[in-house]
Amino acid sequence: MSETFVLVHGAWHGAWCWAAVINQLEMLGDRAYAVDLPGHGMNYADRAKVTLDDYVKSVADFIVARDLNKVVLVGHSLGGLTIPGVAAKIPNRIKRVIWATAIVAEEGKMAIDPDSPSAAGILRAIAGRTDGSIPIDAMGENFLKGLSNDMTEDVKRYVLSALCPQPAGPMLGMPAMKEFFATGIPSSYMACSKDRTPIDGGAEWHPHFSSRLRNPTIETVDCGHEFMFTAPEASARALHKLASS
């Protein structure tokens, strides 16, 4: 069965990161679109002013403008904060929401606790930057190692050179989990077995984040956090399978 995917990138990325996954989804007979969130890629918003609501609106507007329906909405990493708000905003157009090794916020809580060790590092990184953004290098050596643990050196250099500064506002927003759950839209989680990107407490992304969803279907891919570059074919198959699960 042909599916319609809308792919939402994570922090520091842009729509460009999905190119190989889109190619693989199309080879499976699907249609796939990727969105540049405000302040990323070709969406030249003022990073100092971008909010999580802006992220949500940009994706919802993208879907509506193209009159897309029965959309399988996928969010990678920080994209997990955006996708529940999009689904809650235009539920009649969304078939399923897939968190792809992505953050699932707790209902009624900010995704990133300002008092947590990781948030303290993020806030330090923002200090002194006039555009209110966070360069990937400011996240520290352990974060970069976890992010790129299954990349070749050539792929690592390419990806790190392509990442843009991350607007801080969306990272400190309130994801619409309560509103999403109220829609009754099915959810899924694509887990990456080698994801070693640090999160508070040293937990694994799955089941730490996936356990916050309600009866999700789950597929696991044998790769790290940046599956778009290290396992696009396997990831596309997993997303295609989850779309109809």
C-alpha atoms as a PDB file:
ATOM      1  CA  MET A   1       0.000   0.000   0.000  1.00  0.00           C
ATOM      2  CA  SER A   2       1.300   3.432  -0.948  1.00  0.00           C
ATOM      3  CA  GLU A   3       1.744   5.859   1.938  1.00  0.00           C
ATOM      4  CA  THR A   4       2.214   9.613   2.188  1.00  0.00           C
ATOM      5  CA  PHE A   5       5.001  10.603   4.560  1.00  0.00           C
ATOM      6  CA  VAL A   6       5.888  14.020   5.925  1.00  0.00           C
ATOM      7  CA  LEU A   7       9.312  13.945   7.564  1.00  0.00           C
ATOM      8  CA  VAL A   8      10.307  16.387  10.311  1.00  0.00           C
ATOM      9  CA  HIS A   9      13.999  16.793  11.091  1.00  0.00           C
ATOM     10  CA  GLY A  10      15.590  17.185  14.485  1.00  0.00           C
ATOM     11  CA  ALA A  11      17.876  19.784  16.049  1.00  0.00           C
ATOM     12  CA  TRP A  12      20.641  21.298  13.873  1.00  0.00           C
ATOM     13  CA  HIS A  13      19.344  19.489  10.773  1.00  0.00           C
ATOM     14  CA  GLY A  14      17.168  20.473   7.816  1.00  0.00           C
ATOM     15  CA  ALA A  15      15.013  18.843   5.161  1.00  0.00           C
ATOM     16  CA  TRP A  16      18.238  17.946   3.319  1.00  0.00           C
ATOM     17  CA  CYS A  17      19.020  15.198   5.849  1.00  0.00           C
ATOM     18  CA  TRP A  18      16.092  13.066   4.638  1.00  0.00           C
ATOM     19  CA  ALA A  19      17.232  12.743   0.991  1.00  0.00           C
ATOM     20  CA  ALA A  20      18.341   9.092   1.141  1.00  0.00           C
ATOM     21  CA  VAL A  21      15.307   8.012   3.190  1.00  0.00           C
ATOM     22  CA  ILE A  22      12.965   9.752   0.754  1.00  0.00           C
ATOM     23  CA  ASN A  23      14.639   7.944  -2.136  1.00  0.00           C
ATOM     24  CA  GLN A  24      14.197   4.591  -0.392  1.00  0.00           C
ATOM     25  CA  LEU A  25      10.554   5.290   0.516  1.00  0.00           C
ATOM     26  CA  GLU A  26       9.814   6.190  -3.090  1.00  0.00           C
ATOM     27  CA  MET A  27      11.385   2.898  -4.186  1.00  0.00           C
ATOM     28  CA  LEU A  28       8.833   1.204  -1.908  1.00  0.00           C
ATOM     29  CA  GLY A  29       6.044   3.037  -3.751  1.00  0.00           C
ATOM     30  CA  ASP A  30       5.445   5.783  -1.188  1.00  0.00           C
ATOM     31  CA  ARG A  31       5.363   9.568  -1.488  1.00  0.00           C
ATOM     32  CA  ALA A  32       7.577  11.440   0.963  1.00  0.00           C
ATOM     33  CA  TYR A  33       8.081  15.105   1.754  1.00  0.00           C
ATOM     34  CA  ALA A  34      10.573  16.783   4.084  1.00  0.00           C
ATOM     35  CA  VAL A  35      10.087  20.170   5.746  1.00  0.00           C
ATOM     36  CA  ASP A  36      12.634  22.854   6.624  1.00  0.00           C
ATOM     37  CA  LEU A  37      11.620  24.072  10.080  1.00  0.00           C
ATOM     38  CA  PRO A  38      11.987  27.833  10.772  1.00  0.00           C
ATOM     39  CA  GLY A  39      15.638  28.749  11.152  1.00  0.00           C
ATOM     40  CA  HIS A  40      16.824  25.629   9.302  1.00  0.00           C
ATOM     41  CA  GLY A  41      17.816  24.916   5.724  1.00  0.00           C
ATOM     42  CA  MET A  42      16.069  27.272   3.313  1.00  0.00           C
ATOM     43  CA  ASN A  43      13.635  28.596   5.943  1.00  0.00           C
ATOM     44  CA  TYR A  44      15.419  31.805   6.884  1.00  0.00           C
ATOM     45  CA  ALA A  45      13.580  32.756  10.076  1.00  0.00           C
ATOM     46  CA  ASP A  46      15.177  34.804  12.845  1.00  0.00           C
ATOM     47  CA  ARG A  47      16.560  32.071  15.116  1.00  0.00           C
ATOM     48  CA  ALA A  48      16.356  34.330  18.144  1.00  0.00           C
ATOM     49  CA  LYS A  49      12.567  34.510  17.790  1.00  0.00           C
ATOM     50  CA  VAL A  50      11.668  30.964  16.718  1.00  0.00           C
ATOM     51  CA  THR A  51       9.375  29.017  19.059  1.00  0.00           C
ATOM     52  CA  LEU A  52       7.980  25.493  19.187  1.00  0.00           C
ATOM     53  CA  ASP A  53       4.639  26.908  18.021  1.00  0.00           C
ATOM     54  CA  ASP A  54       6.430  28.231  14.930  1.00  0.00           C
ATOM     55  CA  TYR A  55       7.764  24.744  14.229  1.00  0.00           C
ATOM     56  CA  VAL A  56       4.267  23.261  14.564  1.00  0.00           C
ATOM     57  CA  LYS A  57       2.662  25.898  12.362  1.00  0.00           C
ATOM     58  CA  SER A  58       5.268  25.496   9.626  1.00  0.00           C
ATOM     59  CA  VAL A  59       4.628  21.750   9.303  1.00  0.00           C
ATOM     60  CA  ALA A  60       0.845  22.056   9.517  1.00  0.00           C
ATOM     61  CA  ASP A  61       0.884  24.822   6.894  1.00  0.00           C
ATOM     62  CA  PHE A  62       3.119  22.669   4.658  1.00  0.00           C
ATOM     63  CA  ILE A  63       0.614  19.799   4.792  1.00  0.00           C
ATOM     64  CA  VAL A  64      -2.444  21.992   4.252  1.00  0.00           C
ATOM     65  CA  ALA A  65      -0.854  23.962   1.402  1.00  0.00           C
ATOM     66  CA  ARG A  66      -0.277  20.702  -0.489  1.00  0.00           C
ATOM     67  CA  ASP A  67      -3.687  19.300   0.482  1.00  0.00           C
ATOM     68  CA  LEU A  68      -2.073  16.151   1.865  1.00  0.00           C
ATOM     69  CA  ASN A  69      -4.303  13.615   3.603  1.00  0.00           C
ATOM     70  CA  LYS A  70      -3.795  10.330   5.464  1.00  0.00           C
ATOM     71  CA  VAL A  71      -0.329  11.599   6.291  1.00  0.00           C
ATOM     72  CA  VAL A  72       2.168   9.446   8.159  1.00  0.00           C
ATOM     73  CA  LEU A  73       3.957  12.100  10.200  1.00  0.00           C
ATOM     74  CA  VAL A  74       7.530  11.247  11.231  1.00  0.00           C
ATOM     75  CA  GLY A  75       9.746  13.171  13.636  1.00  0.00           C
ATOM     76  CA  HIS A  76      13.425  12.503  14.268  1.00  0.00           C
ATOM     77  CA  SER A  77      15.118  13.383  17.572  1.00  0.00           C
ATOM     78  CA  LEU A  78      13.963  16.889  18.580  1.00  0.00           C
ATOM     79  CA  GLY A  79      11.329  16.578  15.851  1.00  0.00           C
ATOM     80  CA  GLY A  80       9.463  14.523  18.427  1.00  0.00           C
ATOM     81  CA  LEU A  81       8.484  17.790  20.109  1.00  0.00           C
ATOM     82  CA  THR A  82       6.889  19.172  16.943  1.00  0.00           C
ATOM     83  CA  ILE A  83       4.865  16.242  15.626  1.00  0.00           C
ATOM     84  CA  PRO A  84       2.265  15.915  18.438  1.00  0.00           C
ATOM     85  CA  GLY A  85       1.337  19.579  18.008  1.00  0.00           C
ATOM     86  CA  VAL A  86       0.946  19.155  14.254  1.00  0.00           C
ATOM     87  CA  ALA A  87      -1.294  16.125  14.710  1.00  0.00           C
ATOM     88  CA  ALA A  88      -3.413  17.971  17.267  1.00  0.00           C
ATOM     89  CA  LYS A  89      -3.708  20.989  14.961  1.00  0.00           C
ATOM     90  CA  ILE A  90      -4.836  19.104  11.835  1.00  0.00           C
ATOM     91  CA  PRO A  91      -5.959  15.660  13.079  1.00  0.00           C
ATOM     92  CA  ASN A  92      -8.237  15.015  10.099  1.00  0.00           C
ATOM     93  CA  ARG A  93      -5.182  14.950   7.822  1.00  0.00           C
ATOM     94  CA  ILE A  94      -2.978  12.645   9.930  1.00  0.00           C
ATOM     95  CA  LYS A  95      -3.102   8.848   9.700  1.00  0.00           C
ATOM     96  CA  ARG A  96      -0.293   7.943  12.131  1.00  0.00           C
ATOM     97  CA  VAL A  97       2.519   9.655  14.040  1.00  0.00           C
ATOM     98  CA  ILE A  98       5.940   7.997  14.221  1.00  0.00           C
ATOM     99  CA  TRP A  99       8.668   9.043  16.630  1.00  0.00           C
ATOM    100  CA  ALA A 100      11.945   7.960  14.953  1.00  0.00           C
ATOM    101  CA  THR A 101      14.497   7.636  17.775  1.00  0.00           C
ATOM    102  CA  ALA A 102      12.881  10.853  18.924  1.00  0.00           C
ATOM    103  CA  ILE A 103      12.095  12.669  22.150  1.00  0.00           C
ATOM    104  CA  VAL A 104       8.634  11.938  23.539  1.00  0.00           C
ATOM    105  CA  ALA A 105       7.736  14.593  26.072  1.00  0.00           C
ATOM    106  CA  GLU A 106       5.870  13.758  29.251  1.00  0.00           C
ATOM    107  CA  GLU A 107       2.311  15.028  29.275  1.00  0.00           C
ATOM    108  CA  GLY A 108       2.115  18.494  30.843  1.00  0.00           C
ATOM    109  CA  LYS A 109       5.885  18.935  31.071  1.00  0.00           C
ATOM    110  CA  MET A 110       8.500  20.805  29.092  1.00  0.00           C
ATOM    111  CA  ALA A 111      10.593  18.431  27.040  1.00  0.00           C
ATOM    112  CA  ILE A 112      13.813  19.791  28.477  1.00  0.00           C
ATOM    113  CA  ASP A 113      13.854  20.581  32.195  1.00  0.00           C
ATOM    114  CA  PRO A 114      15.751  23.877  32.601  1.00  0.00           C
ATOM    115  CA  ASP A 115      17.205  22.546  35.877  1.00  0.00           C
ATOM    116  CA  SER A 116      18.594  19.323  34.370  1.00  0.00           C
ATOM    117  CA  PRO A 117      22.332  18.874  33.683  1.00  0.00           C
ATOM    118  CA  SER A 118      21.823  18.721  29.912  1.00  0.00           C
ATOM    119  CA  ALA A 119      19.705  21.873  29.876  1.00  0.00           C
ATOM    120  CA  ALA A 120      22.311  23.696  31.928  1.00  0.00           C
ATOM    121  CA  GLY A 121      24.837  22.895  29.204  1.00  0.00           C
ATOM    122  CA  ILE A 122      22.450  24.112  26.523  1.00  0.00           C
ATOM    123  CA  LEU A 123      21.806  27.376  28.356  1.00  0.00           C
ATOM    124  CA  ARG A 124      25.545  27.935  28.773  1.00  0.00           C
ATOM    125  CA  ALA A 125      25.991  27.377  25.044  1.00  0.00           C
ATOM    126  CA  ILE A 126      23.394  30.038  24.268  1.00  0.00           C
ATOM    127  CA  ALA A 127      25.033  32.650  26.499  1.00  0.00           C
ATOM    128  CA  GLY A 128      26.769  35.324  24.508  1.00  0.00           C
ATOM    129  CA  ARG A 129      25.208  34.400  21.147  1.00  0.00           C
ATOM    130  CA  THR A 130      23.110  37.244  19.761  1.00  0.00           C
ATOM    131  CA  ASP A 131      20.852  34.967  17.686  1.00  0.00           C
ATOM    132  CA  GLY A 132      19.814  32.800  20.658  1.00  0.00           C
ATOM    133  CA  SER A 133      21.028  29.626  18.970  1.00  0.00           C
ATOM    134  CA  ILE A 134      23.235  26.680  19.853  1.00  0.00           C
ATOM    135  CA  PRO A 135      26.030  25.473  17.552  1.00  0.00           C
ATOM    136  CA  ILE A 136      26.510  21.718  17.506  1.00  0.00           C
ATOM    137  CA  ASP A 137      30.121  22.069  18.694  1.00  0.00           C
ATOM    138  CA  ALA A 138      28.889  23.635  21.936  1.00  0.00           C
ATOM    139  CA  MET A 139      27.272  20.335  22.955  1.00  0.00           C
ATOM    140  CA  GLY A 140      30.617  18.826  23.878  1.00  0.00           C
ATOM    141  CA  GLU A 141      32.731  15.847  22.863  1.00  0.00           C
ATOM    142  CA  ASN A 142      30.581  13.171  24.556  1.00  0.00           C
ATOM    143  CA  PHE A 143      27.467  14.367  22.737  1.00  0.00           C
ATOM    144  CA  LEU A 144      29.218  14.398  19.365  1.00  0.00           C
ATOM    145  CA  LYS A 145      30.635  10.902  19.951  1.00  0.00           C
ATOM    146  CA  GLY A 146      27.199   9.559  20.856  1.00  0.00           C
ATOM    147  CA  LEU A 147      25.616  11.228  17.844  1.00  0.00           C
ATOM    148  CA  SER A 148      28.131   9.810  15.371  1.00  0.00           C
ATOM    149  CA  ASN A 149      29.097   6.473  16.927  1.00  0.00           C
ATOM    150  CA  ASP A 150      28.242   4.372  13.850  1.00  0.00           C
ATOM    151  CA  MET A 151      29.393   6.831  11.178  1.00  0.00           C
ATOM    152  CA  THR A 152      32.486   6.509   9.055  1.00  0.00           C
ATOM    153  CA  GLU A 153      34.886   9.442   9.401  1.00  0.00           C
ATOM    154  CA  ASP A 154      33.890  10.755   5.964  1.00  0.00           C
ATOM    155  CA  VAL A 155      30.173  10.674   6.798  1.00  0.00           C
ATOM    156  CA  LYS A 156      30.831  12.244  10.186  1.00  0.00           C
ATOM    157  CA  ARG A 157      32.754  15.143   8.638  1.00  0.00           C
ATOM    158  CA  TYR A 158      30.019  15.711   6.061  1.00  0.00           C
ATOM    159  CA  VAL A 159      27.147  15.664   8.544  1.00  0.00           C
ATOM    160  CA  LEU A 160      28.829  17.850  11.154  1.00  0.00           C
ATOM    161  CA  SER A 161      29.822  20.375   8.498  1.00  0.00           C
ATOM    162  CA  ALA A 162      26.221  20.582   7.236  1.00  0.00           C
ATOM    163  CA  LEU A 163      24.483  21.127  10.579  1.00  0.00           C
ATOM    164  CA  CYS A 164      23.216  24.638  11.327  1.00  0.00           C
ATOM    165  CA  PRO A 165      22.899  26.425  14.703  1.00  0.00           C
ATOM    166  CA  GLN A 166      19.811  25.280  16.609  1.00  0.00           C
ATOM    167  CA  PRO A 167      17.254  27.889  17.762  1.00  0.00           C
ATOM    168  CA  ALA A 168      16.872  27.641  21.529  1.00  0.00           C
ATOM    169  CA  GLY A 169      13.193  28.561  21.797  1.00  0.00           C
ATOM    170  CA  PRO A 170      11.710  25.297  20.458  1.00  0.00           C
ATOM    171  CA  MET A 171      13.852  23.261  22.840  1.00  0.00           C
ATOM    172  CA  LEU A 172      12.240  24.996  25.809  1.00  0.00           C
ATOM    173  CA  GLY A 173       8.637  24.858  24.590  1.00  0.00           C
ATOM    174  CA  MET A 174       5.696  22.810  25.884  1.00  0.00           C
ATOM    175  CA  PRO A 175       4.867  19.936  23.503  1.00  0.00           C
ATOM    176  CA  ALA A 176       1.164  19.235  22.945  1.00  0.00           C
ATOM    177  CA  MET A 177       1.103  15.675  24.258  1.00  0.00           C
ATOM    178  CA  LYS A 178      -2.257  15.970  26.039  1.00  0.00           C
ATOM    179  CA  GLU A 179      -3.850  17.386  22.917  1.00  0.00           C
ATOM    180  CA  PHE A 180      -2.265  14.677  20.778  1.00  0.00           C
ATOM    181  CA  PHE A 181      -3.493  11.845  22.979  1.00  0.00           C
ATOM    182  CA  ALA A 182      -6.994  13.349  22.831  1.00  0.00           C
ATOM    183  CA  THR A 183      -7.070  12.889  19.044  1.00  0.00           C
ATOM    184  CA  GLY A 184      -6.755   9.110  19.293  1.00  0.00           C
ATOM    185  CA  ILE A 185      -4.353   9.059  16.334  1.00  0.00           C
ATOM    186  CA  PRO A 186      -2.217   5.878  16.423  1.00  0.00           C
ATOM    187  CA  SER A 187       1.433   6.245  17.343  1.00  0.00           C
ATOM    188  CA  SER A 188       4.606   4.297  16.633  1.00  0.00           C
ATOM    189  CA  TYR A 189       8.251   4.383  17.646  1.00  0.00           C
ATOM    190  CA  MET A 190      11.219   3.525  15.453  1.00  0.00           C
ATOM    191  CA  ALA A 191      14.027   2.529  17.803  1.00  0.00           C
ATOM    192  CA  CYS A 192      17.698   2.559  16.824  1.00  0.00           C
ATOM    193  CA  SER A 193      19.570  -0.141  18.720  1.00  0.00           C
ATOM    194  CA  LYS A 194      22.936   1.657  18.592  1.00  0.00           C
ATOM    195  CA  ASP A 195      21.688   5.128  19.542  1.00  0.00           C
ATOM    196  CA  ARG A 196      24.156   6.385  22.140  1.00  0.00           C
ATOM    197  CA  THR A 197      23.285  10.085  22.003  1.00  0.00           C
ATOM    198  CA  PRO A 198      23.389  11.170  25.669  1.00  0.00           C
ATOM    199  CA  ILE A 199      20.184  11.912  27.544  1.00  0.00           C
ATOM    200  CA  ASP A 200      19.810  12.709  31.249  1.00  0.00           C
ATOM    201  CA  GLY A 201      20.291   9.709  33.506  1.00  0.00           C
ATOM    202  CA  GLY A 202      22.183   7.709  30.896  1.00  0.00           C
ATOM    203  CA  ALA A 203      18.999   5.976  29.718  1.00  0.00           C
ATOM    204  CA  GLU A 204      18.525   4.468  26.262  1.00  0.00           C
ATOM    205  CA  TRP A 205      16.192   6.365  23.909  1.00  0.00           C
ATOM    206  CA  HIS A 206      14.085   3.210  23.714  1.00  0.00           C
ATOM    207  CA  PRO A 207      12.320   2.334  25.962  1.00  0.00           C
ATOM    208  CA  HIS A 208      12.908   5.575  27.908  1.00  0.00           C
ATOM    209  CA  PHE A 209      10.964   7.716  25.423  1.00  0.00           C
ATOM    210  CA  SER A 210       8.809   5.111  23.668  1.00  0.00           C
ATOM    211  CA  SER A 211       7.279   4.065  27.003  1.00  0.00           C
ATOM    212  CA  ARG A 212       5.587   7.480  27.210  1.00  0.00           C
ATOM    213  CA  LEU A 213       3.371   6.683  24.221  1.00  0.00           C
ATOM    214  CA  ARG A 214       0.091   4.775  24.473  1.00  0.00           C
ATOM    215  CA  ASN A 215       0.192   1.318  22.882  1.00  0.00           C
ATOM    216  CA  PRO A 216       2.698   2.233  20.174  1.00  0.00           C
ATOM    217  CA  THR A 217       3.812  -0.176  17.499  1.00  0.00           C
ATOM    218  CA  ILE A 218       7.594  -0.500  17.481  1.00  0.00           C
ATOM    219  CA  GLU A 219      10.223  -1.381  14.909  1.00  0.00           C
ATOM    220  CA  THR A 220      13.951  -1.554  15.649  1.00  0.00           C
ATOM    221  CA  VAL A 221      16.744  -0.689  13.223  1.00  0.00           C
ATOM    222  CA  ASP A 222      20.336  -1.756  13.883  1.00  0.00           C
ATOM    223  CA  CYS A 223      21.986   1.666  13.715  1.00  0.00           C
ATOM    224  CA  GLY A 224      22.760   4.830  15.659  1.00  0.00           C
ATOM    225  CA  HIS A 225      20.928   8.130  16.063  1.00  0.00           C
ATOM    226  CA  GLU A 226      21.637   9.460  12.564  1.00  0.00           C
ATOM    227  CA  PHE A 227      19.861   6.642  10.732  1.00  0.00           C
ATOM    228  CA  MET A 228      19.195   8.896   7.725  1.00  0.00           C
ATOM    229  CA  PHE A 229      22.892   8.642   6.847  1.00  0.00           C
ATOM    230  CA  THR A 230      23.924   5.237   8.196  1.00  0.00           C
ATOM    231  CA  ALA A 231      20.865   3.052   7.517  1.00  0.00           C
ATOM    232  CA  PRO A 232      18.451   4.795   5.108  1.00  0.00           C
ATOM    233  CA  GLU A 233      17.277   1.604   3.411  1.00  0.00           C
ATOM    234  CA  ALA A 234      16.508  -0.298   6.625  1.00  0.00           C
ATOM    235  CA  SER A 235      14.942   2.806   8.153  1.00  0.00           C
ATOM    236  CA  ALA A 236      12.676   3.339   5.159  1.00  0.00           C
ATOM    237  CA  ARG A 237      11.510  -0.276   5.381  1.00  0.00           C
ATOM    238  CA  ALA A 238      10.791   0.159   9.097  1.00  0.00           C
ATOM    239  CA  LEU A 239       8.867   3.385   8.529  1.00  0.00           C
ATOM    240  CA  HIS A 240       6.888   1.804   5.677  1.00  0.00           C
ATOM    241  CA  LYS A 241       5.991  -1.152   7.903  1.00  0.00           C
ATOM    242  CA  LEU A 242       4.995   1.077  10.829  1.00  0.00           C
ATOM    243  CA  ALA A 243       2.782   3.199   8.563  1.00  0.00           C
ATOM    244  CA  SER A 244       0.344   0.324   8.170  1.00  0.00           C
ATOM    245  CA  SER A 245       0.840  -1.350  11.557  1.00  0.00           C
END
